[in-house]
Each structure stands twice: as C-alpha cells, then as structure tokens.
Amino acid sequence: MTKSELIEELAQRSDLTKRAAGDALNAMLDIITESLAKGDKVTLTGFGTFLVRQRAARMGRNPQTGDPLHIPAQTTPAFRAGSALKESVR
C-alpha cells in the first residue's frame, strides 16, 4: 500500500476529504519524526512503538577490494510491533 492509497482509505473510513486525510496523515508523520529527532519514543498502544536506536562504530570491509574500513556510530529509527498488531498479522 502506498501513501496515496493509505490517504484514500483513510478518507473513506473517516468521512474526510482526501485533502483533509492527507493533511492529517502528514501531520502525524511530522509529529513522529520530530519526536524521534529529539530522542523520544512514540508509543501507539496496541500498534507498536517507534524509537531511536544507537549503533556502535565498527570495522567493515569494502566488498569490491576487501580493504577494511571504519563504519562510524549512528543513530537509527526503529519500530517494535505491539502484541495486538502481531496477533492480527498471524
């Protein structure tokens, strides 16, 4: 499902126009993005949790040449599915 298909489905289920549904979805995504950028986690009970994880620096290899290279530490977004979501998918 693409973002436009999600907006269309949201508009049908909630009696909103496509524009209003798109604005609502974009606002929600912006809020989640801003919260993660601050280092906060966002929990949607029954659905899951969006959080930020730290990856340590490590040594890797260039697959073309085999030379070792340093991979720096980085912060990455992650999602942990909630129990209700896991059960509905099974």
N, C-alpha and C. Protein backbone atom coordinates (compact mmCIF):
# COMPACT_ATOMS: atom_id res chain seq x y z
N MET A 1 0.85 -1.18 0.00
CA MET A 1 0.00 0.00 0.00
C MET A 1 0.89 1.23 0.00
N THR A 2 0.61 2.14 -0.90
CA THR A 2 1.38 3.38 -0.99
C THR A 2 0.74 4.45 -0.11
N LYS A 3 1.43 5.56 0.04
CA LYS A 3 0.92 6.65 0.86
C LYS A 3 -0.40 7.19 0.29
N SER A 4 -0.49 7.33 -1.03
CA SER A 4 -1.73 7.84 -1.63
C SER A 4 -2.88 6.86 -1.43
N GLU A 5 -2.60 5.56 -1.50
CA GLU A 5 -3.65 4.56 -1.24
C GLU A 5 -4.08 4.61 0.22
N LEU A 6 -3.13 4.84 1.12
CA LEU A 6 -3.45 4.95 2.54
C LEU A 6 -4.32 6.18 2.79
N ILE A 7 -4.01 7.28 2.15
CA ILE A 7 -4.82 8.50 2.30
C ILE A 7 -6.23 8.27 1.78
N GLU A 8 -6.36 7.60 0.66
CA GLU A 8 -7.67 7.31 0.09
C GLU A 8 -8.50 6.43 1.04
N GLU A 9 -7.89 5.41 1.59
CA GLU A 9 -8.58 4.52 2.52
C GLU A 9 -8.97 5.26 3.80
N LEU A 10 -8.08 6.10 4.30
CA LEU A 10 -8.35 6.89 5.49
C LEU A 10 -9.52 7.84 5.25
N ALA A 11 -9.57 8.46 4.08
CA ALA A 11 -10.67 9.37 3.74
C ALA A 11 -12.01 8.63 3.69
N GLN A 12 -12.02 7.43 3.12
CA GLN A 12 -13.26 6.66 3.04
C GLN A 12 -13.74 6.22 4.41
N ARG A 13 -12.84 5.75 5.24
CA ARG A 13 -13.24 5.21 6.55
C ARG A 13 -13.62 6.29 7.56
N SER A 14 -13.13 7.49 7.39
CA SER A 14 -13.36 8.53 8.40
C SER A 14 -14.27 9.66 7.91
N ASP A 15 -14.85 9.53 6.73
CA ASP A 15 -15.72 10.58 6.19
C ASP A 15 -15.00 11.93 6.08
N LEU A 16 -13.74 11.89 5.67
CA LEU A 16 -12.98 13.10 5.44
C LEU A 16 -12.73 13.23 3.94
N THR A 17 -12.40 14.44 3.53
CA THR A 17 -11.97 14.61 2.14
C THR A 17 -10.56 14.04 2.02
N LYS A 18 -10.14 13.77 0.79
CA LYS A 18 -8.78 13.25 0.60
C LYS A 18 -7.75 14.27 1.08
N ARG A 19 -8.03 15.53 0.86
CA ARG A 19 -7.10 16.58 1.29
C ARG A 19 -6.97 16.61 2.81
N ALA A 20 -8.10 16.52 3.52
CA ALA A 20 -8.07 16.54 4.98
C ALA A 20 -7.37 15.28 5.52
N ALA A 21 -7.64 14.14 4.90
CA ALA A 21 -6.99 12.90 5.32
C ALA A 21 -5.49 12.98 5.08
N GLY A 22 -5.09 13.54 3.95
CA GLY A 22 -3.67 13.70 3.65
C GLY A 22 -2.99 14.64 4.62
N ASP A 23 -3.67 15.74 4.96
CA ASP A 23 -3.12 16.68 5.93
C ASP A 23 -2.96 16.02 7.30
N ALA A 24 -3.95 15.22 7.70
CA ALA A 24 -3.90 14.53 8.99
C ALA A 24 -2.75 13.52 9.02
N LEU A 25 -2.60 12.76 7.95
CA LEU A 25 -1.53 11.77 7.88
C LEU A 25 -0.16 12.45 7.89
N ASN A 26 -0.01 13.51 7.11
CA ASN A 26 1.26 14.24 7.07
C ASN A 26 1.59 14.85 8.43
N ALA A 27 0.58 15.38 9.13
CA ALA A 27 0.81 15.95 10.46
C ALA A 27 1.27 14.87 11.43
N MET A 28 0.64 13.69 11.36
CA MET A 28 1.03 12.60 12.25
C MET A 28 2.46 12.15 11.98
N LEU A 29 2.82 12.02 10.71
CA LEU A 29 4.18 11.62 10.36
C LEU A 29 5.20 12.67 10.79
N ASP A 30 4.85 13.94 10.66
CA ASP A 30 5.74 15.02 11.10
C ASP A 30 5.95 14.97 12.61
N ILE A 31 4.89 14.72 13.37
CA ILE A 31 4.99 14.65 14.83
C ILE A 31 5.88 13.49 15.24
N ILE A 32 5.69 12.33 14.61
CA ILE A 32 6.52 11.17 14.93
C ILE A 32 7.98 11.45 14.59
N THR A 33 8.23 12.06 13.43
CA THR A 33 9.59 12.38 13.00
C THR A 33 10.26 13.35 13.96
N GLU A 34 9.55 14.39 14.36
CA GLU A 34 10.11 15.38 15.29
C GLU A 34 10.40 14.77 16.65
N SER A 35 9.52 13.91 17.12
CA SER A 35 9.73 13.26 18.42
C SER A 35 10.96 12.36 18.38
N LEU A 36 11.12 11.60 17.31
CA LEU A 36 12.30 10.74 17.18
C LEU A 36 13.58 11.56 17.06
N ALA A 37 13.51 12.69 16.37
CA ALA A 37 14.68 13.55 16.22
C ALA A 37 15.14 14.09 17.58
N LYS A 38 14.19 14.29 18.51
CA LYS A 38 14.53 14.74 19.85
C LYS A 38 15.01 13.60 20.74
N GLY A 39 14.87 12.36 20.26
CA GLY A 39 15.30 11.20 21.05
C GLY A 39 14.18 10.56 21.84
N ASP A 40 12.95 11.06 21.68
CA ASP A 40 11.81 10.49 22.38
C ASP A 40 11.30 9.27 21.64
N LYS A 41 10.53 8.43 22.34
CA LYS A 41 9.88 7.33 21.65
C LYS A 41 8.39 7.62 21.58
N VAL A 42 7.73 7.08 20.56
CA VAL A 42 6.31 7.29 20.33
C VAL A 42 5.62 5.93 20.44
N THR A 43 4.70 5.79 21.40
CA THR A 43 4.01 4.53 21.61
C THR A 43 2.55 4.67 21.22
N LEU A 44 2.11 3.81 20.31
CA LEU A 44 0.71 3.73 19.92
C LEU A 44 0.20 2.39 20.47
N THR A 45 -0.51 2.45 21.59
CA THR A 45 -0.93 1.25 22.29
C THR A 45 -1.70 0.31 21.37
N GLY A 46 -1.28 -0.95 21.36
CA GLY A 46 -1.90 -1.96 20.52
C GLY A 46 -1.31 -2.03 19.13
N PHE A 47 -0.59 -1.00 18.71
CA PHE A 47 0.01 -0.98 17.38
C PHE A 47 1.51 -1.21 17.46
N GLY A 48 2.21 -0.35 18.20
CA GLY A 48 3.64 -0.52 18.33
C GLY A 48 4.32 0.74 18.83
N THR A 49 5.65 0.68 18.84
CA THR A 49 6.46 1.77 19.36
C THR A 49 7.52 2.16 18.34
N PHE A 50 7.60 3.44 18.05
CA PHE A 50 8.67 4.00 17.23
C PHE A 50 9.73 4.48 18.21
N LEU A 51 10.99 4.11 17.98
CA LEU A 51 12.05 4.51 18.89
C LEU A 51 13.35 4.74 18.13
N VAL A 52 14.34 5.26 18.85
CA VAL A 52 15.64 5.55 18.27
C VAL A 52 16.65 4.58 18.88
N ARG A 53 17.47 3.97 18.03
CA ARG A 53 18.50 3.04 18.50
C ARG A 53 19.87 3.57 18.12
N GLN A 54 20.84 3.29 18.97
CA GLN A 54 22.23 3.68 18.72
C GLN A 54 22.98 2.49 18.16
N ARG A 55 23.69 2.67 17.08
CA ARG A 55 24.58 1.64 16.53
C ARG A 55 26.01 2.04 16.84
N ALA A 56 26.77 1.12 17.37
CA ALA A 56 28.16 1.39 17.72
C ALA A 56 29.02 1.44 16.46
N ALA A 57 30.15 2.12 16.57
CA ALA A 57 31.12 2.15 15.48
C ALA A 57 31.71 0.75 15.34
N ARG A 58 32.07 0.39 14.12
CA ARG A 58 32.62 -0.95 13.90
C ARG A 58 33.50 -0.94 12.66
N MET A 59 34.22 -2.02 12.50
CA MET A 59 35.06 -2.18 11.31
C MET A 59 34.30 -3.04 10.30
N GLY A 60 34.37 -2.66 9.03
CA GLY A 60 33.73 -3.40 7.97
C GLY A 60 34.73 -3.64 6.85
N ARG A 61 34.26 -4.19 5.76
CA ARG A 61 35.13 -4.45 4.61
C ARG A 61 34.47 -3.94 3.34
N ASN A 62 35.28 -3.36 2.48
CA ASN A 62 34.82 -2.95 1.17
C ASN A 62 34.62 -4.24 0.35
N PRO A 63 33.41 -4.53 -0.11
CA PRO A 63 33.18 -5.79 -0.81
C PRO A 63 33.92 -5.90 -2.15
N GLN A 64 34.27 -4.78 -2.75
CA GLN A 64 34.96 -4.84 -4.05
C GLN A 64 36.46 -5.10 -3.89
N THR A 65 37.06 -4.45 -2.90
CA THR A 65 38.51 -4.57 -2.76
C THR A 65 38.93 -5.43 -1.58
N GLY A 66 38.05 -5.63 -0.62
CA GLY A 66 38.39 -6.39 0.57
C GLY A 66 39.12 -5.58 1.62
N ASP A 67 39.36 -4.29 1.34
CA ASP A 67 40.06 -3.43 2.29
C ASP A 67 39.17 -3.16 3.50
N PRO A 68 39.76 -3.14 4.71
CA PRO A 68 38.97 -2.80 5.89
C PRO A 68 38.63 -1.31 5.88
N LEU A 69 37.46 -0.98 6.43
CA LEU A 69 37.08 0.42 6.54
C LEU A 69 36.30 0.63 7.83
N HIS A 70 36.37 1.84 8.34
CA HIS A 70 35.71 2.20 9.59
C HIS A 70 34.28 2.64 9.30
N ILE A 71 33.33 2.04 9.99
CA ILE A 71 31.92 2.45 9.88
C ILE A 71 31.60 3.22 11.15
N PRO A 72 31.26 4.51 11.05
CA PRO A 72 31.04 5.31 12.25
C PRO A 72 29.75 4.94 12.98
N ALA A 73 29.68 5.33 14.25
CA ALA A 73 28.47 5.14 15.05
C ALA A 73 27.35 5.97 14.45
N GLN A 74 26.13 5.47 14.57
CA GLN A 74 25.00 6.23 14.03
C GLN A 74 23.73 5.98 14.84
N THR A 75 22.81 6.91 14.73
CA THR A 75 21.50 6.81 15.36
C THR A 75 20.51 6.45 14.28
N THR A 76 19.69 5.41 14.52
CA THR A 76 18.74 4.96 13.51
C THR A 76 17.34 4.83 14.11
N PRO A 77 16.31 5.10 13.31
CA PRO A 77 14.94 4.88 13.79
C PRO A 77 14.61 3.39 13.75
N ALA A 78 13.72 2.97 14.64
CA ALA A 78 13.31 1.56 14.68
C ALA A 78 11.83 1.50 15.04
N PHE A 79 11.22 0.36 14.76
CA PHE A 79 9.82 0.13 15.11
C PHE A 79 9.71 -1.23 15.77
N ARG A 80 9.01 -1.27 16.90
CA ARG A 80 8.76 -2.53 17.59
C ARG A 80 7.26 -2.74 17.60
N ALA A 81 6.80 -3.79 16.95
CA ALA A 81 5.37 -4.07 16.81
C ALA A 81 4.76 -4.43 18.16
N GLY A 82 3.53 -3.98 18.40
CA GLY A 82 2.80 -4.30 19.61
C GLY A 82 2.14 -5.67 19.50
N SER A 83 1.69 -6.18 20.63
CA SER A 83 1.11 -7.53 20.65
C SER A 83 -0.16 -7.64 19.81
N ALA A 84 -1.00 -6.59 19.83
CA ALA A 84 -2.24 -6.65 19.04
C ALA A 84 -1.94 -6.69 17.54
N LEU A 85 -0.94 -5.95 17.10
CA LEU A 85 -0.54 -5.96 15.69
C LEU A 85 0.02 -7.32 15.31
N LYS A 86 0.86 -7.87 16.17
CA LYS A 86 1.43 -9.20 15.90
C LYS A 86 0.35 -10.26 15.77
N GLU A 87 -0.64 -10.20 16.65
CA GLU A 87 -1.72 -11.19 16.63
C GLU A 87 -2.59 -11.05 15.38
N SER A 88 -2.84 -9.83 14.96
CA SER A 88 -3.70 -9.63 13.78
C SER A 88 -3.01 -10.08 12.48
N VAL A 89 -1.68 -10.05 12.46
CA VAL A 89 -0.94 -10.46 11.27
C VAL A 89 -0.83 -11.98 11.20
N ARG A 90 -0.78 -12.62 12.35
CA ARG A 90 -0.64 -14.09 12.37
C ARG A 90 -1.81 -14.77 11.79
